[in-house]
Each structure stands twice: as structure tokens, then as C-alpha cells.
Amino acid sequence: MKRLLALVVAFMVMGSGVAFAHQPVVLLNSDTTAAKGPLLVDGTVSFAVRASFAKAGEKKAFRAQFKDGDALEIQYLIVDKKPENAAKITQLPTLVVTGPGGFKTTLQINERTKFFEPFSQTNYLYLGRYSGIARAGIYSFVITGRGKSAITLAVGDKEIPGEVTRG
């Protein structure tokens, strides 16, 4: 967890600009529905949403707001070390995303691509990715645990400061 926070909080000054890593959002045990969870005010901003589960059936959720035509970018990652990288697909949480106009998708776990994050010096595995075009409105992200586990969802791709609201 400390390494993930280092990843998402870290930033590095480069030349005349600032490059930010994904901004951290840690889902709480009280974030059991999208309405109770945090809102990413601009879903195109790069956020790293961390969710930990103690048991099967446990739910954690959040929302992200998009404008019509925005890029809808989602990545499902785990830390590339035990116990995370030893988990079977059937033990990892599921992610269902719903949005305006009847949009609904279950993010498929269909890869195992290594990714080295230089800010925190952490190795991750991409397990699934989704790219699409958003419709205007709020999208709900509901993650359901299938056992003890921890995952990171990267939402958005703009490396700029963003706003998260709760309540």
C-alpha cells in the first residue's frame, strides 16, 4: 500500500512542466455503492483507484463524470508480487461499469502484461484494459471481491491535477 501511495502521489519536475503520476483514490469499506463512493469530477484525469477486499461478495464502488466524446480509459492492474500475482483469475474482483444510454461492460481479464512504474519503482501487471468514447454523464464503477485481494484501477489518461468529491 505504501508503494502504491508513493506511485500516485509522486511527481517529477521535467524541463518547464510538471509530470504527475496517477492521483490516488483509496476506496473505503463504506464505499459499497457508486452513490456512496467518491466522484471523479473529470473522468479523463489520470486517477489510480485502489480497492482491497477481505472476502467474497464484498463491494466497493465509485463514480466518474464525463463529457460527450471524452475518452473512456480504464486499466485493471495488480502489483507484480505475491500474493497478488499468484491469484487465479477466478479469485480476482470483477469490475462492472455502467453509464448513460444503457452502457454496461464487465472489464475482461485478458492479459498479463508487465508494467514498471518508475516513480515508486514498482512492478505491476496489466490484467485488462478498456478504451472507448464516453457519453455525457456519470459512469458507475462497481467492484465485487471474490476473496481476499487488492487491485488498482487506472481511470483517465490526462496527467493533470483532478478533483475528487465525497458525499
N, C-alpha and C. Protein backbone atom coordinates (compact mmCIF):
# COMPACT_ATOMS: atom_id res chain seq x y z
N MET A 1 0.82 -1.18 0.00
CA MET A 1 0.00 0.00 0.00
C MET A 1 0.87 1.25 0.00
N LYS A 2 1.95 1.25 0.79
CA LYS A 2 2.84 2.41 0.83
C LYS A 2 3.46 2.68 -0.53
N ARG A 3 3.82 1.59 -1.23
CA ARG A 3 4.41 1.76 -2.56
C ARG A 3 3.41 2.36 -3.53
N LEU A 4 2.13 1.92 -3.44
CA LEU A 4 1.11 2.46 -4.32
C LEU A 4 0.93 3.94 -4.05
N LEU A 5 0.87 4.31 -2.78
CA LEU A 5 0.72 5.73 -2.45
C LEU A 5 1.90 6.53 -2.96
N ALA A 6 3.09 5.97 -2.89
CA ALA A 6 4.25 6.65 -3.44
C ALA A 6 4.09 6.83 -4.94
N LEU A 7 3.56 5.81 -5.59
CA LEU A 7 3.33 5.87 -7.04
C LEU A 7 2.39 7.00 -7.40
N VAL A 8 1.27 7.08 -6.71
CA VAL A 8 0.24 8.00 -7.13
C VAL A 8 0.45 9.41 -6.62
N VAL A 9 1.24 9.58 -5.59
CA VAL A 9 1.48 10.90 -5.05
C VAL A 9 2.72 11.52 -5.68
N ALA A 10 3.63 10.67 -6.11
CA ALA A 10 4.91 11.16 -6.63
C ALA A 10 4.72 12.02 -7.87
N PHE A 11 5.56 13.00 -7.99
CA PHE A 11 5.61 13.77 -9.23
C PHE A 11 7.04 14.19 -9.47
N MET A 12 7.33 14.56 -10.72
CA MET A 12 8.69 14.89 -11.06
C MET A 12 8.69 16.12 -11.95
N VAL A 13 9.51 17.09 -11.63
CA VAL A 13 9.62 18.29 -12.46
C VAL A 13 10.52 17.95 -13.64
N MET A 14 10.02 18.22 -14.83
CA MET A 14 10.77 17.91 -16.05
C MET A 14 10.77 19.15 -16.93
N GLY A 15 11.93 19.72 -17.16
CA GLY A 15 12.01 20.89 -18.03
C GLY A 15 11.18 22.02 -17.47
N SER A 16 10.29 22.54 -18.29
CA SER A 16 9.47 23.67 -17.86
C SER A 16 8.11 23.25 -17.34
N GLY A 17 7.81 21.94 -17.38
CA GLY A 17 6.49 21.49 -16.94
C GLY A 17 6.58 20.53 -15.78
N VAL A 18 5.43 20.09 -15.31
CA VAL A 18 5.36 19.13 -14.23
C VAL A 18 4.63 17.90 -14.74
N ALA A 19 5.18 16.72 -14.49
CA ALA A 19 4.52 15.47 -14.86
C ALA A 19 4.01 14.81 -13.60
N PHE A 20 2.75 14.48 -13.55
CA PHE A 20 2.14 13.87 -12.38
C PHE A 20 1.89 12.40 -12.63
N ALA A 21 2.05 11.59 -11.60
CA ALA A 21 1.64 10.19 -11.67
C ALA A 21 0.14 10.15 -11.41
N HIS A 22 -0.50 9.00 -11.63
CA HIS A 22 -1.92 8.85 -11.33
C HIS A 22 -2.19 9.33 -9.91
N GLN A 23 -3.25 10.12 -9.75
CA GLN A 23 -3.62 10.62 -8.42
C GLN A 23 -4.34 9.54 -7.63
N PRO A 24 -4.04 9.43 -6.34
CA PRO A 24 -4.60 8.34 -5.55
C PRO A 24 -6.04 8.55 -5.13
N VAL A 25 -6.80 7.47 -5.17
CA VAL A 25 -8.14 7.42 -4.59
C VAL A 25 -8.23 6.04 -3.95
N VAL A 26 -8.37 6.00 -2.64
CA VAL A 26 -8.48 4.73 -1.94
C VAL A 26 -9.94 4.53 -1.57
N LEU A 27 -10.53 3.43 -2.04
CA LEU A 27 -11.91 3.14 -1.71
C LEU A 27 -12.00 2.63 -0.27
N LEU A 28 -12.98 3.15 0.45
CA LEU A 28 -13.19 2.82 1.85
C LEU A 28 -14.20 1.68 1.97
N ASN A 29 -14.25 1.05 3.12
CA ASN A 29 -15.24 -0.01 3.35
C ASN A 29 -16.66 0.53 3.25
N SER A 30 -16.86 1.83 3.48
CA SER A 30 -18.18 2.45 3.39
C SER A 30 -18.59 2.76 1.94
N ASP A 31 -17.68 2.62 0.99
CA ASP A 31 -17.96 2.90 -0.43
C ASP A 31 -18.58 1.67 -1.10
N THR A 32 -19.74 1.23 -0.60
CA THR A 32 -20.35 -0.03 -1.04
C THR A 32 -21.22 0.11 -2.28
N THR A 33 -21.60 1.33 -2.63
CA THR A 33 -22.34 1.59 -3.87
C THR A 33 -21.71 2.79 -4.54
N ALA A 34 -21.98 2.94 -5.83
CA ALA A 34 -21.42 4.09 -6.54
C ALA A 34 -21.89 5.41 -5.93
N ALA A 35 -23.14 5.46 -5.50
CA ALA A 35 -23.68 6.68 -4.90
C ALA A 35 -22.98 7.03 -3.59
N LYS A 36 -22.52 6.02 -2.84
CA LYS A 36 -21.83 6.26 -1.57
C LYS A 36 -20.34 6.52 -1.77
N GLY A 37 -19.81 6.11 -2.91
CA GLY A 37 -18.38 6.23 -3.17
C GLY A 37 -17.99 7.59 -3.70
N PRO A 38 -16.70 7.80 -3.89
CA PRO A 38 -16.21 9.08 -4.39
C PRO A 38 -16.60 9.32 -5.84
N LEU A 39 -16.62 10.60 -6.22
CA LEU A 39 -16.88 11.02 -7.60
C LEU A 39 -15.60 11.62 -8.16
N LEU A 40 -15.11 11.06 -9.25
CA LEU A 40 -14.01 11.66 -10.00
C LEU A 40 -14.67 12.71 -10.89
N VAL A 41 -14.47 13.99 -10.57
CA VAL A 41 -15.20 15.08 -11.22
C VAL A 41 -14.95 15.11 -12.72
N ASP A 42 -13.74 14.80 -13.15
CA ASP A 42 -13.41 14.70 -14.57
C ASP A 42 -12.77 13.34 -14.80
N GLY A 43 -13.50 12.42 -15.39
CA GLY A 43 -13.04 11.06 -15.60
C GLY A 43 -11.90 10.92 -16.59
N THR A 44 -11.52 12.00 -17.26
CA THR A 44 -10.40 11.93 -18.19
C THR A 44 -9.07 12.19 -17.50
N VAL A 45 -9.14 12.70 -16.26
CA VAL A 45 -7.92 12.94 -15.48
C VAL A 45 -7.41 11.60 -14.96
N SER A 46 -6.12 11.46 -14.89
CA SER A 46 -5.49 10.20 -14.51
C SER A 46 -5.59 9.95 -12.99
N PHE A 47 -6.39 8.94 -12.63
CA PHE A 47 -6.57 8.55 -11.23
C PHE A 47 -6.18 7.08 -11.06
N ALA A 48 -5.62 6.75 -9.89
CA ALA A 48 -5.35 5.36 -9.52
C ALA A 48 -6.26 5.04 -8.35
N VAL A 49 -7.26 4.21 -8.61
CA VAL A 49 -8.25 3.86 -7.60
C VAL A 49 -7.86 2.51 -7.01
N ARG A 50 -7.62 2.50 -5.71
CA ARG A 50 -7.15 1.29 -5.02
C ARG A 50 -8.31 0.70 -4.24
N ALA A 51 -8.51 -0.60 -4.40
CA ALA A 51 -9.58 -1.31 -3.68
C ALA A 51 -9.01 -2.59 -3.09
N SER A 52 -9.26 -2.79 -1.80
CA SER A 52 -8.84 -4.01 -1.11
C SER A 52 -10.07 -4.73 -0.60
N PHE A 53 -10.03 -6.06 -0.66
CA PHE A 53 -11.17 -6.87 -0.27
C PHE A 53 -10.74 -7.92 0.73
N ALA A 54 -11.59 -8.15 1.73
CA ALA A 54 -11.31 -9.14 2.77
C ALA A 54 -12.02 -10.46 2.49
N LYS A 55 -13.11 -10.40 1.69
CA LYS A 55 -13.89 -11.62 1.47
C LYS A 55 -14.69 -11.55 0.17
N ALA A 56 -15.17 -12.70 -0.25
CA ALA A 56 -16.01 -12.79 -1.45
C ALA A 56 -17.33 -12.06 -1.20
N GLY A 57 -17.82 -11.41 -2.23
CA GLY A 57 -19.11 -10.72 -2.15
C GLY A 57 -19.01 -9.28 -1.68
N GLU A 58 -17.88 -8.89 -1.14
CA GLU A 58 -17.69 -7.52 -0.69
C GLU A 58 -17.68 -6.58 -1.90
N LYS A 59 -18.37 -5.44 -1.80
CA LYS A 59 -18.44 -4.49 -2.90
C LYS A 59 -17.81 -3.17 -2.52
N LYS A 60 -17.15 -2.56 -3.51
CA LYS A 60 -16.63 -1.20 -3.39
C LYS A 60 -16.93 -0.52 -4.72
N ALA A 61 -17.23 0.78 -4.64
CA ALA A 61 -17.69 1.45 -5.87
C ALA A 61 -17.35 2.93 -5.85
N PHE A 62 -17.35 3.51 -7.05
CA PHE A 62 -17.13 4.94 -7.22
C PHE A 62 -17.77 5.39 -8.52
N ARG A 63 -17.71 6.69 -8.78
CA ARG A 63 -18.30 7.27 -9.98
C ARG A 63 -17.27 8.16 -10.68
N ALA A 64 -17.46 8.35 -11.97
CA ALA A 64 -16.63 9.28 -12.75
C ALA A 64 -17.52 10.01 -13.74
N GLN A 65 -17.29 11.29 -13.85
CA GLN A 65 -18.10 12.14 -14.73
C GLN A 65 -17.36 12.39 -16.04
N PHE A 66 -18.10 12.31 -17.15
CA PHE A 66 -17.53 12.52 -18.48
C PHE A 66 -18.41 13.48 -19.28
N LYS A 67 -17.78 14.12 -20.26
CA LYS A 67 -18.50 14.93 -21.24
C LYS A 67 -18.65 14.09 -22.51
N ASP A 68 -19.60 14.44 -23.33
CA ASP A 68 -19.82 13.73 -24.58
C ASP A 68 -18.55 13.76 -25.44
N GLY A 69 -18.11 12.60 -25.87
CA GLY A 69 -16.93 12.50 -26.72
C GLY A 69 -15.62 12.33 -25.98
N ASP A 70 -15.64 12.41 -24.63
CA ASP A 70 -14.42 12.19 -23.86
C ASP A 70 -13.90 10.77 -24.06
N ALA A 71 -12.61 10.60 -23.89
CA ALA A 71 -12.02 9.27 -23.91
C ALA A 71 -12.38 8.56 -22.60
N LEU A 72 -12.86 7.33 -22.72
CA LEU A 72 -13.16 6.49 -21.57
C LEU A 72 -12.05 5.45 -21.50
N GLU A 73 -11.12 5.66 -20.56
CA GLU A 73 -9.92 4.81 -20.44
C GLU A 73 -9.91 4.15 -19.07
N ILE A 74 -9.84 2.82 -19.05
CA ILE A 74 -9.83 2.06 -17.80
C ILE A 74 -8.78 0.96 -17.91
N GLN A 75 -7.97 0.83 -16.87
CA GLN A 75 -6.99 -0.26 -16.80
C GLN A 75 -7.13 -0.95 -15.45
N TYR A 76 -7.05 -2.27 -15.47
CA TYR A 76 -7.14 -3.11 -14.27
C TYR A 76 -5.74 -3.65 -14.02
N LEU A 77 -5.16 -3.33 -12.84
CA LEU A 77 -3.79 -3.72 -12.53
C LEU A 77 -3.70 -4.38 -11.16
N ILE A 78 -2.66 -5.20 -11.00
CA ILE A 78 -2.29 -5.73 -9.70
C ILE A 78 -0.78 -5.55 -9.54
N VAL A 79 -0.32 -5.52 -8.30
CA VAL A 79 1.11 -5.47 -8.03
C VAL A 79 1.70 -6.82 -8.44
N ASP A 80 2.85 -6.77 -9.11
CA ASP A 80 3.50 -8.00 -9.57
C ASP A 80 4.39 -8.58 -8.48
N LYS A 81 3.75 -9.02 -7.40
CA LYS A 81 4.42 -9.75 -6.33
C LYS A 81 3.37 -10.53 -5.56
N LYS A 82 3.83 -11.52 -4.81
CA LYS A 82 2.89 -12.36 -4.05
C LYS A 82 2.31 -11.55 -2.90
N PRO A 83 1.06 -11.70 -2.56
CA PRO A 83 0.15 -12.73 -3.05
C PRO A 83 -0.62 -12.32 -4.31
N GLU A 84 -0.56 -11.01 -4.69
CA GLU A 84 -1.38 -10.55 -5.82
C GLU A 84 -1.13 -11.32 -7.11
N ASN A 85 0.14 -11.47 -7.51
CA ASN A 85 0.42 -12.08 -8.81
C ASN A 85 0.23 -13.59 -8.83
N ALA A 86 -0.01 -14.19 -7.66
CA ALA A 86 -0.26 -15.62 -7.59
C ALA A 86 -1.76 -15.95 -7.65
N ALA A 87 -2.60 -14.93 -7.57
CA ALA A 87 -4.05 -15.14 -7.57
C ALA A 87 -4.53 -15.64 -8.94
N LYS A 88 -5.46 -16.58 -8.91
CA LYS A 88 -6.09 -17.06 -10.14
C LYS A 88 -7.13 -16.03 -10.57
N ILE A 89 -7.44 -16.01 -11.85
CA ILE A 89 -8.44 -15.08 -12.37
C ILE A 89 -9.75 -15.19 -11.60
N THR A 90 -10.12 -16.41 -11.24
CA THR A 90 -11.38 -16.63 -10.53
C THR A 90 -11.36 -16.10 -9.10
N GLN A 91 -10.19 -15.69 -8.60
CA GLN A 91 -10.06 -15.14 -7.25
C GLN A 91 -10.04 -13.61 -7.26
N LEU A 92 -9.88 -13.02 -8.43
CA LEU A 92 -9.76 -11.57 -8.53
C LEU A 92 -11.14 -10.91 -8.63
N PRO A 93 -11.25 -9.69 -8.10
CA PRO A 93 -12.53 -8.98 -8.15
C PRO A 93 -13.01 -8.75 -9.59
N THR A 94 -14.32 -8.64 -9.73
CA THR A 94 -14.90 -8.28 -11.02
C THR A 94 -15.19 -6.78 -11.02
N LEU A 95 -15.17 -6.19 -12.20
CA LEU A 95 -15.48 -4.76 -12.37
C LEU A 95 -16.58 -4.63 -13.40
N VAL A 96 -17.69 -4.01 -12.99
CA VAL A 96 -18.79 -3.70 -13.90
C VAL A 96 -18.91 -2.19 -13.97
N VAL A 97 -18.91 -1.67 -15.20
CA VAL A 97 -19.02 -0.23 -15.43
C VAL A 97 -20.34 0.02 -16.15
N THR A 98 -21.15 0.93 -15.63
CA THR A 98 -22.41 1.33 -16.29
C THR A 98 -22.38 2.83 -16.51
N GLY A 99 -23.06 3.23 -17.57
CA GLY A 99 -23.09 4.65 -17.91
C GLY A 99 -24.34 5.04 -18.66
N PRO A 100 -24.38 6.28 -19.10
CA PRO A 100 -25.55 6.81 -19.80
C PRO A 100 -25.90 6.01 -21.06
N GLY A 101 -27.17 6.05 -21.42
CA GLY A 101 -27.62 5.43 -22.66
C GLY A 101 -27.59 3.92 -22.65
N GLY A 102 -27.61 3.31 -21.48
CA GLY A 102 -27.61 1.85 -21.40
C GLY A 102 -26.25 1.21 -21.50
N PHE A 103 -25.18 2.01 -21.45
CA PHE A 103 -23.82 1.45 -21.50
C PHE A 103 -23.59 0.57 -20.28
N LYS A 104 -23.06 -0.64 -20.52
CA LYS A 104 -22.69 -1.54 -19.44
C LYS A 104 -21.62 -2.49 -19.97
N THR A 105 -20.53 -2.62 -19.21
CA THR A 105 -19.49 -3.56 -19.59
C THR A 105 -18.86 -4.15 -18.34
N THR A 106 -18.50 -5.41 -18.45
CA THR A 106 -17.70 -6.07 -17.42
C THR A 106 -16.30 -6.13 -17.96
N LEU A 107 -15.36 -5.50 -17.26
CA LEU A 107 -13.99 -5.47 -17.75
C LEU A 107 -13.42 -6.88 -17.75
N GLN A 108 -12.95 -7.30 -18.90
CA GLN A 108 -12.41 -8.65 -19.07
C GLN A 108 -10.95 -8.70 -18.63
N ILE A 109 -10.61 -9.74 -17.89
CA ILE A 109 -9.22 -10.00 -17.55
C ILE A 109 -8.69 -10.89 -18.66
N ASN A 110 -7.90 -10.26 -19.54
CA ASN A 110 -7.49 -10.98 -20.74
C ASN A 110 -6.02 -10.77 -21.12
N GLU A 111 -5.24 -10.29 -20.17
CA GLU A 111 -3.81 -10.12 -20.44
C GLU A 111 -3.04 -10.24 -19.13
N ARG A 112 -1.77 -10.28 -19.25
CA ARG A 112 -0.88 -10.31 -18.09
C ARG A 112 0.42 -9.64 -18.54
N THR A 113 0.32 -8.32 -18.77
CA THR A 113 1.42 -7.55 -19.31
C THR A 113 2.15 -6.82 -18.20
N LYS A 114 3.46 -7.01 -18.14
CA LYS A 114 4.26 -6.35 -17.11
C LYS A 114 4.34 -4.85 -17.39
N PHE A 115 4.34 -4.09 -16.28
CA PHE A 115 4.43 -2.64 -16.35
C PHE A 115 5.27 -2.16 -15.17
N PHE A 116 6.38 -1.51 -15.46
CA PHE A 116 7.23 -0.97 -14.40
C PHE A 116 6.89 0.49 -14.21
N GLU A 117 6.53 0.84 -12.98
CA GLU A 117 6.18 2.23 -12.67
C GLU A 117 7.42 2.88 -12.05
N PRO A 118 8.05 3.82 -12.77
CA PRO A 118 9.34 4.35 -12.34
C PRO A 118 9.31 5.24 -11.09
N PHE A 119 8.21 5.95 -10.83
CA PHE A 119 8.18 6.85 -9.67
C PHE A 119 8.32 6.08 -8.37
N SER A 120 7.62 4.96 -8.24
CA SER A 120 7.66 4.18 -7.00
C SER A 120 8.56 2.95 -7.11
N GLN A 121 9.12 2.75 -8.31
CA GLN A 121 9.96 1.57 -8.55
C GLN A 121 9.17 0.29 -8.31
N THR A 122 7.90 0.27 -8.74
CA THR A 122 7.00 -0.87 -8.51
C THR A 122 6.66 -1.55 -9.82
N ASN A 123 6.67 -2.88 -9.79
CA ASN A 123 6.25 -3.68 -10.93
C ASN A 123 4.77 -4.02 -10.78
N TYR A 124 4.02 -3.80 -11.85
CA TYR A 124 2.60 -4.12 -11.90
C TYR A 124 2.36 -5.09 -13.05
N LEU A 125 1.16 -5.64 -13.06
CA LEU A 125 0.68 -6.43 -14.19
C LEU A 125 -0.63 -5.81 -14.66
N TYR A 126 -0.70 -5.45 -15.94
CA TYR A 126 -1.98 -5.09 -16.54
C TYR A 126 -2.74 -6.40 -16.72
N LEU A 127 -3.98 -6.45 -16.24
CA LEU A 127 -4.80 -7.64 -16.44
C LEU A 127 -5.92 -7.39 -17.44
N GLY A 128 -6.30 -6.15 -17.61
CA GLY A 128 -7.35 -5.81 -18.55
C GLY A 128 -7.38 -4.32 -18.81
N ARG A 129 -7.84 -3.97 -20.02
CA ARG A 129 -7.93 -2.55 -20.39
C ARG A 129 -9.18 -2.34 -21.23
N TYR A 130 -9.72 -1.15 -21.12
CA TYR A 130 -10.88 -0.77 -21.93
C TYR A 130 -10.66 0.65 -22.43
N SER A 131 -10.90 0.86 -23.72
CA SER A 131 -10.84 2.19 -24.32
C SER A 131 -12.11 2.39 -25.13
N GLY A 132 -12.73 3.53 -24.95
CA GLY A 132 -13.93 3.85 -25.70
C GLY A 132 -14.20 5.34 -25.68
N ILE A 133 -15.34 5.71 -26.19
CA ILE A 133 -15.77 7.10 -26.22
C ILE A 133 -16.97 7.23 -25.28
N ALA A 134 -16.88 8.19 -24.37
CA ALA A 134 -17.93 8.37 -23.37
C ALA A 134 -19.07 9.23 -23.91
N ARG A 135 -20.24 9.00 -23.32
CA ARG A 135 -21.38 9.88 -23.49
C ARG A 135 -21.42 10.78 -22.26
N ALA A 136 -22.04 11.92 -22.38
CA ALA A 136 -22.10 12.86 -21.26
C ALA A 136 -22.85 12.24 -20.09
N GLY A 137 -22.27 12.36 -18.90
CA GLY A 137 -22.93 11.89 -17.71
C GLY A 137 -21.98 11.21 -16.74
N ILE A 138 -22.58 10.55 -15.76
CA ILE A 138 -21.82 9.89 -14.71
C ILE A 138 -21.82 8.38 -14.93
N TYR A 139 -20.62 7.81 -14.89
CA TYR A 139 -20.42 6.37 -15.01
C TYR A 139 -20.20 5.79 -13.62
N SER A 140 -20.76 4.61 -13.37
CA SER A 140 -20.60 3.91 -12.10
C SER A 140 -19.65 2.75 -12.27
N PHE A 141 -18.74 2.59 -11.32
CA PHE A 141 -17.76 1.51 -11.32
C PHE A 141 -18.01 0.70 -10.06
N VAL A 142 -18.44 -0.56 -10.22
CA VAL A 142 -18.73 -1.42 -9.08
C VAL A 142 -17.79 -2.62 -9.14
N ILE A 143 -17.01 -2.77 -8.06
CA ILE A 143 -16.02 -3.84 -7.97
C ILE A 143 -16.52 -4.82 -6.91
N THR A 144 -16.55 -6.09 -7.26
CA THR A 144 -17.03 -7.13 -6.33
C THR A 144 -15.90 -8.11 -6.06
N GLY A 145 -15.56 -8.24 -4.78
CA GLY A 145 -14.50 -9.15 -4.37
C GLY A 145 -14.91 -10.60 -4.52
N ARG A 146 -13.93 -11.45 -4.81
CA ARG A 146 -14.17 -12.90 -4.86
C ARG A 146 -13.24 -13.62 -3.90
N GLY A 147 -12.79 -12.89 -2.90
CA GLY A 147 -11.86 -13.41 -1.91
C GLY A 147 -10.94 -12.29 -1.49
N LYS A 148 -9.98 -12.61 -0.64
CA LYS A 148 -9.03 -11.60 -0.18
C LYS A 148 -8.15 -11.19 -1.35
N SER A 149 -8.12 -9.88 -1.64
CA SER A 149 -7.35 -9.38 -2.78
C SER A 149 -7.23 -7.87 -2.72
N ALA A 150 -6.39 -7.34 -3.60
CA ALA A 150 -6.22 -5.90 -3.74
C ALA A 150 -5.92 -5.61 -5.21
N ILE A 151 -6.58 -4.59 -5.74
CA ILE A 151 -6.36 -4.21 -7.14
C ILE A 151 -6.24 -2.70 -7.25
N THR A 152 -5.77 -2.26 -8.40
CA THR A 152 -5.72 -0.85 -8.75
C THR A 152 -6.43 -0.68 -10.08
N LEU A 153 -7.34 0.28 -10.14
CA LEU A 153 -7.98 0.65 -11.40
C LEU A 153 -7.45 2.02 -11.80
N ALA A 154 -6.89 2.10 -12.97
CA ALA A 154 -6.47 3.39 -13.50
C ALA A 154 -7.61 3.89 -14.38
N VAL A 155 -8.06 5.10 -14.10
CA VAL A 155 -9.14 5.72 -14.87
C VAL A 155 -8.61 7.04 -15.39
N GLY A 156 -8.84 7.31 -16.67
CA GLY A 156 -8.38 8.55 -17.27
C GLY A 156 -6.95 8.47 -17.74
N ASP A 157 -6.56 9.46 -18.55
CA ASP A 157 -5.20 9.44 -19.08
C ASP A 157 -4.53 10.81 -19.10
N LYS A 158 -5.21 11.85 -18.65
CA LYS A 158 -4.61 13.18 -18.62
C LYS A 158 -3.83 13.36 -17.33
N GLU A 159 -2.55 13.58 -17.45
CA GLU A 159 -1.68 13.74 -16.28
C GLU A 159 -1.72 15.18 -15.79
N ILE A 160 -2.88 15.57 -15.27
CA ILE A 160 -3.09 16.91 -14.71
C ILE A 160 -3.79 16.76 -13.37
N PRO A 161 -3.72 17.76 -12.51
CA PRO A 161 -4.43 17.66 -11.24
C PRO A 161 -5.94 17.52 -11.46
N GLY A 162 -6.57 16.72 -10.62
CA GLY A 162 -8.00 16.49 -10.74
C GLY A 162 -8.69 16.60 -9.39
N GLU A 163 -10.01 16.61 -9.43
CA GLU A 163 -10.80 16.79 -8.23
C GLU A 163 -11.61 15.53 -7.94
N VAL A 164 -11.65 15.16 -6.66
CA VAL A 164 -12.45 14.03 -6.19
C VAL A 164 -13.35 14.57 -5.08
N THR A 165 -14.66 14.25 -5.16
CA THR A 165 -15.56 14.67 -4.10
C THR A 165 -16.16 13.44 -3.44
N ARG A 166 -16.53 13.59 -2.20
CA ARG A 166 -17.20 12.53 -1.44
C ARG A 166 -18.48 13.11 -0.87
N GLY A 167 -19.51 12.23 -0.80
CA GLY A 167 -20.75 12.64 -0.14
C GLY A 167 -21.82 13.11 -1.04
